[in-house]
Amino acid sequence: MHIETLIERRLRGYRLTTAEILYHLPDHPAVLQSFVWQDSNIAPKFPVLRKFLDFWARQIDGPLHSVRVEATTLVSPSEWRRIDHVMQLH
């Protein structure tokens, strides 16, 4: 059985995706609660997030208010910076 590595998923279009989900508390509908969800997903359709939100709508009592989504770029080069000074302690 082949276990897919993170770089293989990134090359297939998966990105680290973070969603802030605001939902109404079941006992206090006027109060909003925040939930942060993070997983690898494919932009712009976000099938993994959509599957999770469908599960939420079916199984969780707190009705959704809004979802804000952020996704990283595909594969980005490593950051490189020149260091002018090195300090050593003990």
PDB file of N, CA and C in Angstrom:
ATOM      1  N   MET A   1       0.844  -1.181   0.000  1.00  0.00           N
ATOM      2  CA  MET A   1       0.000   0.000   0.000  1.00  0.00           C
ATOM      3  C   MET A   1       0.886   1.240   0.000  1.00  0.00           C
ATOM      4  N   HIS A   2       0.641   2.143  -0.925  1.00  0.00           N
ATOM      5  CA  HIS A   2       1.431   3.368  -1.043  1.00  0.00           C
ATOM      6  C   HIS A   2       0.796   4.466  -0.208  1.00  0.00           C
ATOM      7  N   ILE A   3       1.586   5.043   0.707  1.00  0.00           N
ATOM      8  CA  ILE A   3       1.117   6.178   1.506  1.00  0.00           C
ATOM      9  C   ILE A   3       1.630   7.444   0.845  1.00  0.00           C
ATOM     10  N   GLU A   4       0.715   8.308   0.476  1.00  0.00           N
ATOM     11  CA  GLU A   4       1.057   9.529  -0.242  1.00  0.00           C
ATOM     12  C   GLU A   4       1.773  10.517   0.675  1.00  0.00           C
ATOM     13  N   THR A   5       2.896  11.049   0.207  1.00  0.00           N
ATOM     14  CA  THR A   5       3.625  12.024   1.006  1.00  0.00           C
ATOM     15  C   THR A   5       3.033  13.416   0.792  1.00  0.00           C
ATOM     16  N   LEU A   6       3.410  14.327   1.678  1.00  0.00           N
ATOM     17  CA  LEU A   6       2.907  15.694   1.592  1.00  0.00           C
ATOM     18  C   LEU A   6       3.314  16.355   0.283  1.00  0.00           C
ATOM     19  N   ILE A   7       4.551  16.147  -0.145  1.00  0.00           N
ATOM     20  CA  ILE A   7       5.005  16.779  -1.392  1.00  0.00           C
ATOM     21  C   ILE A   7       4.255  16.212  -2.598  1.00  0.00           C
ATOM     22  N   GLU A   8       3.925  14.918  -2.572  1.00  0.00           N
ATOM     23  CA  GLU A   8       3.134  14.330  -3.664  1.00  0.00           C
ATOM     24  C   GLU A   8       1.744  14.969  -3.715  1.00  0.00           C
ATOM     25  N   ARG A   9       1.160  15.178  -2.562  1.00  0.00           N
ATOM     26  CA  ARG A   9      -0.161  15.833  -2.522  1.00  0.00           C
ATOM     27  C   ARG A   9      -0.072  17.269  -3.023  1.00  0.00           C
ATOM     28  N   ARG A  10       0.991  17.989  -2.619  1.00  0.00           N
ATOM     29  CA  ARG A  10       1.163  19.366  -3.064  1.00  0.00           C
ATOM     30  C   ARG A  10       1.322  19.433  -4.582  1.00  0.00           C
ATOM     31  N   LEU A  11       2.070  18.494  -5.144  1.00  0.00           N
ATOM     32  CA  LEU A  11       2.257  18.485  -6.590  1.00  0.00           C
ATOM     33  C   LEU A  11       0.961  18.144  -7.331  1.00  0.00           C
ATOM     34  N   ARG A  12       0.045  17.453  -6.679  1.00  0.00           N
ATOM     35  CA  ARG A  12      -1.256  17.147  -7.287  1.00  0.00           C
ATOM     36  C   ARG A  12      -2.261  18.274  -7.095  1.00  0.00           C
ATOM     37  N   GLY A  13      -1.835  19.382  -6.464  1.00  0.00           N
ATOM     38  CA  GLY A  13      -2.717  20.543  -6.346  1.00  0.00           C
ATOM     39  C   GLY A  13      -3.265  20.793  -4.958  1.00  0.00           C
ATOM     40  N   TYR A  14      -2.946  19.940  -3.994  1.00  0.00           N
ATOM     41  CA  TYR A  14      -3.436  20.149  -2.631  1.00  0.00           C
ATOM     42  C   TYR A  14      -2.681  21.303  -1.988  1.00  0.00           C
ATOM     43  N   ARG A  15      -3.407  22.100  -1.218  1.00  0.00           N
ATOM     44  CA  ARG A  15      -2.827  23.227  -0.495  1.00  0.00           C
ATOM     45  C   ARG A  15      -3.261  23.162   0.960  1.00  0.00           C
ATOM     46  N   LEU A  16      -2.437  23.710   1.829  1.00  0.00           N
ATOM     47  CA  LEU A  16      -2.857  23.823   3.215  1.00  0.00           C
ATOM     48  C   LEU A  16      -3.975  24.859   3.262  1.00  0.00           C
ATOM     49  N   THR A  17      -5.123  24.440   3.745  1.00  0.00           N
ATOM     50  CA  THR A  17      -6.309  25.291   3.760  1.00  0.00           C
ATOM     51  C   THR A  17      -6.787  25.473   5.192  1.00  0.00           C
ATOM     52  N   THR A  18      -7.081  26.710   5.545  1.00  0.00           N
ATOM     53  CA  THR A  18      -7.605  27.031   6.863  1.00  0.00           C
ATOM     54  C   THR A  18      -8.958  27.707   6.677  1.00  0.00           C
ATOM     55  N   ALA A  19      -9.933  27.265   7.451  1.00  0.00           N
ATOM     56  CA  ALA A  19     -11.267  27.863   7.391  1.00  0.00           C
ATOM     57  C   ALA A  19     -11.692  28.292   8.790  1.00  0.00           C
ATOM     58  N   GLU A  20     -12.159  29.525   8.894  1.00  0.00           N
ATOM     59  CA  GLU A  20     -12.770  29.987  10.140  1.00  0.00           C
ATOM     60  C   GLU A  20     -14.278  29.865   9.956  1.00  0.00           C
ATOM     61  N   ILE A  21     -14.873  29.035  10.771  1.00  0.00           N
ATOM     62  CA  ILE A  21     -16.307  28.750  10.667  1.00  0.00           C
ATOM     63  C   ILE A  21     -17.018  29.433  11.831  1.00  0.00           C
ATOM     64  N   LEU A  22     -17.959  30.309  11.497  1.00  0.00           N
ATOM     65  CA  LEU A  22     -18.798  30.928  12.527  1.00  0.00           C
ATOM     66  C   LEU A  22     -20.145  30.218  12.517  1.00  0.00           C
ATOM     67  N   TYR A  23     -20.599  29.847  13.705  1.00  0.00           N
ATOM     68  CA  TYR A  23     -21.880  29.142  13.805  1.00  0.00           C
ATOM     69  C   TYR A  23     -22.662  29.637  15.011  1.00  0.00           C
ATOM     70  N   HIS A  24     -23.965  29.457  14.951  1.00  0.00           N
ATOM     71  CA  HIS A  24     -24.855  29.859  16.041  1.00  0.00           C
ATOM     72  C   HIS A  24     -24.870  28.778  17.105  1.00  0.00           C
ATOM     73  N   LEU A  25     -24.804  29.201  18.363  1.00  0.00           N
ATOM     74  CA  LEU A  25     -24.918  28.233  19.450  1.00  0.00           C
ATOM     75  C   LEU A  25     -26.342  27.694  19.488  1.00  0.00           C
ATOM     76  N   PRO A  26     -26.501  26.385  19.645  1.00  0.00           N
ATOM     77  CA  PRO A  26     -27.860  25.807  19.631  1.00  0.00           C
ATOM     78  C   PRO A  26     -28.787  26.371  20.719  1.00  0.00           C
ATOM     79  N   ASP A  27     -28.251  26.567  21.939  1.00  0.00           N
ATOM     80  CA  ASP A  27     -29.090  27.053  23.042  1.00  0.00           C
ATOM     81  C   ASP A  27     -29.268  28.572  23.041  1.00  0.00           C
ATOM     82  N   HIS A  28     -28.382  29.280  22.341  1.00  0.00           N
ATOM     83  CA  HIS A  28     -28.424  30.743  22.283  1.00  0.00           C
ATOM     84  C   HIS A  28     -28.184  31.178  20.844  1.00  0.00           C
ATOM     85  N   PRO A  29     -29.195  31.127  19.989  1.00  0.00           N
ATOM     86  CA  PRO A  29     -29.020  31.389  18.562  1.00  0.00           C
ATOM     87  C   PRO A  29     -28.465  32.772  18.213  1.00  0.00           C
ATOM     88  N   ALA A  30     -28.575  33.734  19.115  1.00  0.00           N
ATOM     89  CA  ALA A  30     -28.065  35.068  18.825  1.00  0.00           C
ATOM     90  C   ALA A  30     -26.553  35.169  19.059  1.00  0.00           C
ATOM     91  N   VAL A  31     -25.964  34.120  19.647  1.00  0.00           N
ATOM     92  CA  VAL A  31     -24.537  34.127  19.960  1.00  0.00           C
ATOM     93  C   VAL A  31     -23.787  33.314  18.909  1.00  0.00           C
ATOM     94  N   LEU A  32     -22.690  33.884  18.391  1.00  0.00           N
ATOM     95  CA  LEU A  32     -21.857  33.186  17.422  1.00  0.00           C
ATOM     96  C   LEU A  32     -20.617  32.610  18.095  1.00  0.00           C
ATOM     97  N   GLN A  33     -20.235  31.424  17.677  1.00  0.00           N
ATOM     98  CA  GLN A  33     -19.024  30.767  18.151  1.00  0.00           C
ATOM     99  C   GLN A  33     -18.109  30.552  16.957  1.00  0.00           C
ATOM    100  N   SER A  34     -16.807  30.571  17.183  1.00  0.00           N
ATOM    101  CA  SER A  34     -15.835  30.394  16.107  1.00  0.00           C
ATOM    102  C   SER A  34     -15.175  29.021  16.215  1.00  0.00           C
ATOM    103  N   PHE A  35     -14.964  28.384  15.067  1.00  0.00           N
ATOM    104  CA  PHE A  35     -14.281  27.094  14.992  1.00  0.00           C
ATOM    105  C   PHE A  35     -13.277  27.192  13.853  1.00  0.00           C
ATOM    106  N   VAL A  36     -12.025  26.792  14.093  1.00  0.00           N
ATOM    107  CA  VAL A  36     -10.997  26.841  13.064  1.00  0.00           C
ATOM    108  C   VAL A  36     -10.717  25.423  12.579  1.00  0.00           C
ATOM    109  N   TRP A  37     -10.812  25.228  11.266  1.00  0.00           N
ATOM    110  CA  TRP A  37     -10.593  23.939  10.606  1.00  0.00           C
ATOM    111  C   TRP A  37      -9.383  24.067   9.693  1.00  0.00           C
ATOM    112  N   GLN A  38      -8.503  23.046   9.683  1.00  0.00           N
ATOM    113  CA  GLN A  38      -7.321  23.101   8.821  1.00  0.00           C
ATOM    114  C   GLN A  38      -7.024  21.707   8.284  1.00  0.00           C
ATOM    115  N   ASP A  39      -6.774  21.644   6.958  1.00  0.00           N
ATOM    116  CA  ASP A  39      -6.466  20.378   6.293  1.00  0.00           C
ATOM    117  C   ASP A  39      -5.918  20.687   4.906  1.00  0.00           C
ATOM    118  N   SER A  40      -5.413  19.675   4.222  1.00  0.00           N
ATOM    119  CA  SER A  40      -4.996  19.839   2.830  1.00  0.00           C
ATOM    120  C   SER A  40      -6.227  19.756   1.948  1.00  0.00           C
ATOM    121  N   ASN A  41      -6.277  20.618   0.927  1.00  0.00           N
ATOM    122  CA  ASN A  41      -7.455  20.685   0.089  1.00  0.00           C
ATOM    123  C   ASN A  41      -7.077  21.216  -1.283  1.00  0.00           C
ATOM    124  N   ILE A  42      -7.968  21.092  -2.246  1.00  0.00           N
ATOM    125  CA  ILE A  42      -7.713  21.551  -3.606  1.00  0.00           C
ATOM    126  C   ILE A  42      -8.560  22.796  -3.873  1.00  0.00           C
ATOM    127  N   ALA A  43      -7.879  23.920  -4.121  1.00  0.00           N
ATOM    128  CA  ALA A  43      -8.584  25.164  -4.442  1.00  0.00           C
ATOM    129  C   ALA A  43      -8.916  25.173  -5.929  1.00  0.00           C
ATOM    130  N   PRO A  44      -9.951  25.813  -6.370  1.00  0.00           N
ATOM    131  CA  PRO A  44     -10.897  26.656  -5.644  1.00  0.00           C
ATOM    132  C   PRO A  44     -12.167  25.927  -5.210  1.00  0.00           C
ATOM    133  N   LYS A  45     -12.314  24.648  -5.529  1.00  0.00           N
ATOM    134  CA  LYS A  45     -13.562  23.946  -5.187  1.00  0.00           C
ATOM    135  C   LYS A  45     -13.585  23.427  -3.755  1.00  0.00           C
ATOM    136  N   PHE A  46     -12.423  23.172  -3.152  1.00  0.00           N
ATOM    137  CA  PHE A  46     -12.295  22.734  -1.772  1.00  0.00           C
ATOM    138  C   PHE A  46     -13.193  21.536  -1.431  1.00  0.00           C
ATOM    139  N   PRO A  47     -13.006  20.395  -2.089  1.00  0.00           N
ATOM    140  CA  PRO A  47     -13.881  19.247  -1.852  1.00  0.00           C
ATOM    141  C   PRO A  47     -13.803  18.684  -0.432  1.00  0.00           C
ATOM    142  N   VAL A  48     -12.639  18.727   0.194  1.00  0.00           N
ATOM    143  CA  VAL A  48     -12.504  18.201   1.566  1.00  0.00           C
ATOM    144  C   VAL A  48     -13.273  19.082   2.542  1.00  0.00           C
ATOM    145  N   LEU A  49     -13.144  20.393   2.388  1.00  0.00           N
ATOM    146  CA  LEU A  49     -13.883  21.330   3.246  1.00  0.00           C
ATOM    147  C   LEU A  49     -15.379  21.203   3.011  1.00  0.00           C
ATOM    148  N   ARG A  50     -15.798  21.089   1.766  1.00  0.00           N
ATOM    149  CA  ARG A  50     -17.233  20.936   1.472  1.00  0.00           C
ATOM    150  C   ARG A  50     -17.803  19.676   2.105  1.00  0.00           C
ATOM    151  N   LYS A  51     -17.028  18.596   2.079  1.00  0.00           N
ATOM    152  CA  LYS A  51     -17.463  17.343   2.717  1.00  0.00           C
ATOM    153  C   LYS A  51     -17.630  17.550   4.220  1.00  0.00           C
ATOM    154  N   PHE A  52     -16.682  18.267   4.835  1.00  0.00           N
ATOM    155  CA  PHE A  52     -16.782  18.548   6.266  1.00  0.00           C
ATOM    156  C   PHE A  52     -17.997  19.424   6.568  1.00  0.00           C
ATOM    157  N   LEU A  53     -18.223  20.468   5.757  1.00  0.00           N
ATOM    158  CA  LEU A  53     -19.372  21.348   5.994  1.00  0.00           C
ATOM    159  C   LEU A  53     -20.700  20.631   5.784  1.00  0.00           C
ATOM    160  N   ASP A  54     -20.757  19.703   4.824  1.00  0.00           N
ATOM    161  CA  ASP A  54     -21.963  18.886   4.641  1.00  0.00           C
ATOM    162  C   ASP A  54     -22.210  18.025   5.875  1.00  0.00           C
ATOM    163  N   PHE A  55     -21.131  17.425   6.410  1.00  0.00           N
ATOM    164  CA  PHE A  55     -21.249  16.640   7.645  1.00  0.00           C
ATOM    165  C   PHE A  55     -21.756  17.529   8.778  1.00  0.00           C
ATOM    166  N   TRP A  56     -21.191  18.747   8.892  1.00  0.00           N
ATOM    167  CA  TRP A  56     -21.601  19.684   9.942  1.00  0.00           C
ATOM    168  C   TRP A  56     -23.099  19.971   9.831  1.00  0.00           C
ATOM    169  N   ALA A  57     -23.559  20.285   8.640  1.00  0.00           N
ATOM    170  CA  ALA A  57     -24.970  20.637   8.448  1.00  0.00           C
ATOM    171  C   ALA A  57     -25.900  19.473   8.806  1.00  0.00           C
ATOM    172  N   ARG A  58     -25.455  18.237   8.542  1.00  0.00           N
ATOM    173  CA  ARG A  58     -26.282  17.059   8.836  1.00  0.00           C
ATOM    174  C   ARG A  58     -26.226  16.628  10.295  1.00  0.00           C
ATOM    175  N   GLN A  59     -25.045  16.699  10.932  1.00  0.00           N
ATOM    176  CA  GLN A  59     -24.836  16.041  12.220  1.00  0.00           C
ATOM    177  C   GLN A  59     -24.674  16.960  13.431  1.00  0.00           C
ATOM    178  N   ILE A  60     -24.376  18.235  13.217  1.00  0.00           N
ATOM    179  CA  ILE A  60     -24.086  19.124  14.346  1.00  0.00           C
ATOM    180  C   ILE A  60     -25.222  20.123  14.505  1.00  0.00           C
ATOM    181  N   ASP A  61     -25.612  20.362  15.760  1.00  0.00           N
ATOM    182  CA  ASP A  61     -26.771  21.202  16.055  1.00  0.00           C
ATOM    183  C   ASP A  61     -26.559  22.683  15.763  1.00  0.00           C
ATOM    184  N   GLY A  62     -25.343  23.182  15.839  1.00  0.00           N
ATOM    185  CA  GLY A  62     -25.101  24.609  15.636  1.00  0.00           C
ATOM    186  C   GLY A  62     -25.164  24.994  14.170  1.00  0.00           C
ATOM    187  N   PRO A  63     -26.201  25.749  13.732  1.00  0.00           N
ATOM    188  CA  PRO A  63     -26.316  26.142  12.327  1.00  0.00           C
ATOM    189  C   PRO A  63     -25.172  27.066  11.904  1.00  0.00           C
ATOM    190  N   LEU A  64     -24.699  26.863  10.686  1.00  0.00           N
ATOM    191  CA  LEU A  64     -23.601  27.669  10.165  1.00  0.00           C
ATOM    192  C   LEU A  64     -24.049  29.104   9.905  1.00  0.00           C
ATOM    193  N   HIS A  65     -23.178  30.038  10.215  1.00  0.00           N
ATOM    194  CA  HIS A  65     -23.417  31.447   9.915  1.00  0.00           C
ATOM    195  C   HIS A  65     -22.595  31.869   8.705  1.00  0.00           C
ATOM    196  N   SER A  66     -21.255  31.623   8.762  1.00  0.00           N
ATOM    197  CA  SER A  66     -20.377  31.989   7.656  1.00  0.00           C
ATOM    198  C   SER A  66     -19.080  31.188   7.737  1.00  0.00           C
ATOM    199  N   VAL A  67     -18.388  31.138   6.601  1.00  0.00           N
ATOM    200  CA  VAL A  67     -17.105  30.427   6.522  1.00  0.00           C
ATOM    201  C   VAL A  67     -16.132  31.321   5.764  1.00  0.00           C
ATOM    202  N   ARG A  68     -14.961  31.547   6.345  1.00  0.00           N
ATOM    203  CA  ARG A  68     -13.906  32.320   5.693  1.00  0.00           C
ATOM    204  C   ARG A  68     -12.737  31.366   5.434  1.00  0.00           C
ATOM    205  N   VAL A  69     -12.278  31.319   4.173  1.00  0.00           N
ATOM    206  CA  VAL A  69     -11.288  30.327   3.761  1.00  0.00           C
ATOM    207  C   VAL A  69     -10.014  31.015   3.290  1.00  0.00           C
ATOM    208  N   GLU A  70      -8.871  30.470   3.694  1.00  0.00           N
ATOM    209  CA  GLU A  70      -7.550  30.905   3.235  1.00  0.00           C
ATOM    210  C   GLU A  70      -6.785  29.663   2.809  1.00  0.00           C
ATOM    211  N   ALA A  71      -6.024  29.767   1.712  1.00  0.00           N
ATOM    212  CA  ALA A  71      -5.217  28.642   1.233  1.00  0.00           C
ATOM    213  C   ALA A  71      -3.835  29.135   0.854  1.00  0.00           C
ATOM    214  N   THR A  72      -2.828  28.321   1.134  1.00  0.00           N
ATOM    215  CA  THR A  72      -1.456  28.678   0.767  1.00  0.00           C
ATOM    216  C   THR A  72      -1.249  28.452  -0.717  1.00  0.00           C
ATOM    217  N   THR A  73      -0.110  28.902  -1.221  1.00  0.00           N
ATOM    218  CA  THR A  73       0.235  28.659  -2.621  1.00  0.00           C
ATOM    219  C   THR A  73       0.619  27.197  -2.795  1.00  0.00           C
ATOM    220  N   LEU A  74       0.810  26.788  -4.022  1.00  0.00           N
ATOM    221  CA  LEU A  74       1.202  25.403  -4.286  1.00  0.00           C
ATOM    222  C   LEU A  74       2.566  25.124  -3.668  1.00  0.00           C
ATOM    223  N   VAL A  75       3.564  24.822  -4.442  1.00  0.00           N
ATOM    224  CA  VAL A  75       4.894  24.557  -3.910  1.00  0.00           C
ATOM    225  C   VAL A  75       5.705  25.832  -4.051  1.00  0.00           C
ATOM    226  N   SER A  76       6.178  26.350  -2.936  1.00  0.00           N
ATOM    227  CA  SER A  76       6.943  27.593  -2.982  1.00  0.00           C
ATOM    228  C   SER A  76       8.399  27.312  -2.634  1.00  0.00           C
ATOM    229  N   PRO A  77       9.321  28.082  -3.204  1.00  0.00           N
ATOM    230  CA  PRO A  77      10.729  27.864  -2.891  1.00  0.00           C
ATOM    231  C   PRO A  77      11.020  28.224  -1.442  1.00  0.00           C
ATOM    232  N   SER A  78      12.027  27.619  -0.914  1.00  0.00           N
ATOM    233  CA  SER A  78      12.425  27.936   0.462  1.00  0.00           C
ATOM    234  C   SER A  78      12.881  29.383   0.550  1.00  0.00           C
ATOM    235  N   GLU A  79      12.616  29.980   1.673  1.00  0.00           N
ATOM    236  CA  GLU A  79      13.065  31.347   1.872  1.00  0.00           C
ATOM    237  C   GLU A  79      14.532  31.330   2.263  1.00  0.00           C
ATOM    238  N   TRP A  80      15.278  32.260   1.691  1.00  0.00           N
ATOM    239  CA  TRP A  80      16.696  32.358   1.986  1.00  0.00           C
ATOM    240  C   TRP A  80      17.019  33.785   2.325  1.00  0.00           C
ATOM    241  N   ARG A  81      17.698  33.986   3.451  1.00  0.00           N
ATOM    242  CA  ARG A  81      18.105  35.321   3.853  1.00  0.00           C
ATOM    243  C   ARG A  81      19.576  35.294   4.253  1.00  0.00           C
ATOM    244  N   ARG A  82      20.261  36.331   3.920  1.00  0.00           N
ATOM    245  CA  ARG A  82      21.647  36.465   4.330  1.00  0.00           C
ATOM    246  C   ARG A  82      21.682  37.011   5.752  1.00  0.00           C
ATOM    247  N   ILE A  83      22.539  36.437   6.567  1.00  0.00           N
ATOM    248  CA  ILE A  83      22.701  36.891   7.947  1.00  0.00           C
ATOM    249  C   ILE A  83      24.021  37.626   8.036  1.00  0.00           C
ATOM    250  N   ASP A  84      23.967  38.867   8.498  1.00  0.00           N
ATOM    251  CA  ASP A  84      25.180  39.675   8.597  1.00  0.00           C
ATOM    252  C   ASP A  84      25.956  39.419   9.887  1.00  0.00           C
ATOM    253  N   HIS A  85      25.282  39.055  10.943  1.00  0.00           N
ATOM    254  CA  HIS A  85      25.938  38.877  12.233  1.00  0.00           C
ATOM    255  C   HIS A  85      25.521  37.553  12.861  1.00  0.00           C
ATOM    256  N   VAL A  86      26.473  36.937  13.526  1.00  0.00           N
ATOM    257  CA  VAL A  86      26.189  35.725  14.292  1.00  0.00           C
ATOM    258  C   VAL A  86      26.617  35.985  15.718  1.00  0.00           C
ATOM    259  N   MET A  87      25.735  35.692  16.670  1.00  0.00           N
ATOM    260  CA  MET A  87      26.038  35.907  18.076  1.00  0.00           C
ATOM    261  C   MET A  87      25.968  34.566  18.770  1.00  0.00           C
ATOM    262  N   GLN A  88      26.906  34.333  19.668  1.00  0.00           N
ATOM    263  CA  GLN A  88      26.921  33.070  20.378  1.00  0.00           C
ATOM    264  C   GLN A  88      26.810  33.352  21.871  1.00  0.00           C
ATOM    265  N   LEU A  89      25.921  32.667  22.546  1.00  0.00           N
ATOM    266  CA  LEU A  89      25.778  32.785  24.005  1.00  0.00           C
ATOM    267  C   LEU A  89      26.262  31.490  24.625  1.00  0.00           C
ATOM    268  N   HIS A  90      27.178  31.612  25.512  1.00  0.00           N
ATOM    269  CA  HIS A  90      27.725  30.480  26.278  1.00  0.00           C
ATOM    270  C   HIS A  90      28.080  29.337  25.377  1.00  0.00           C
TER     271      HIS A  90
END
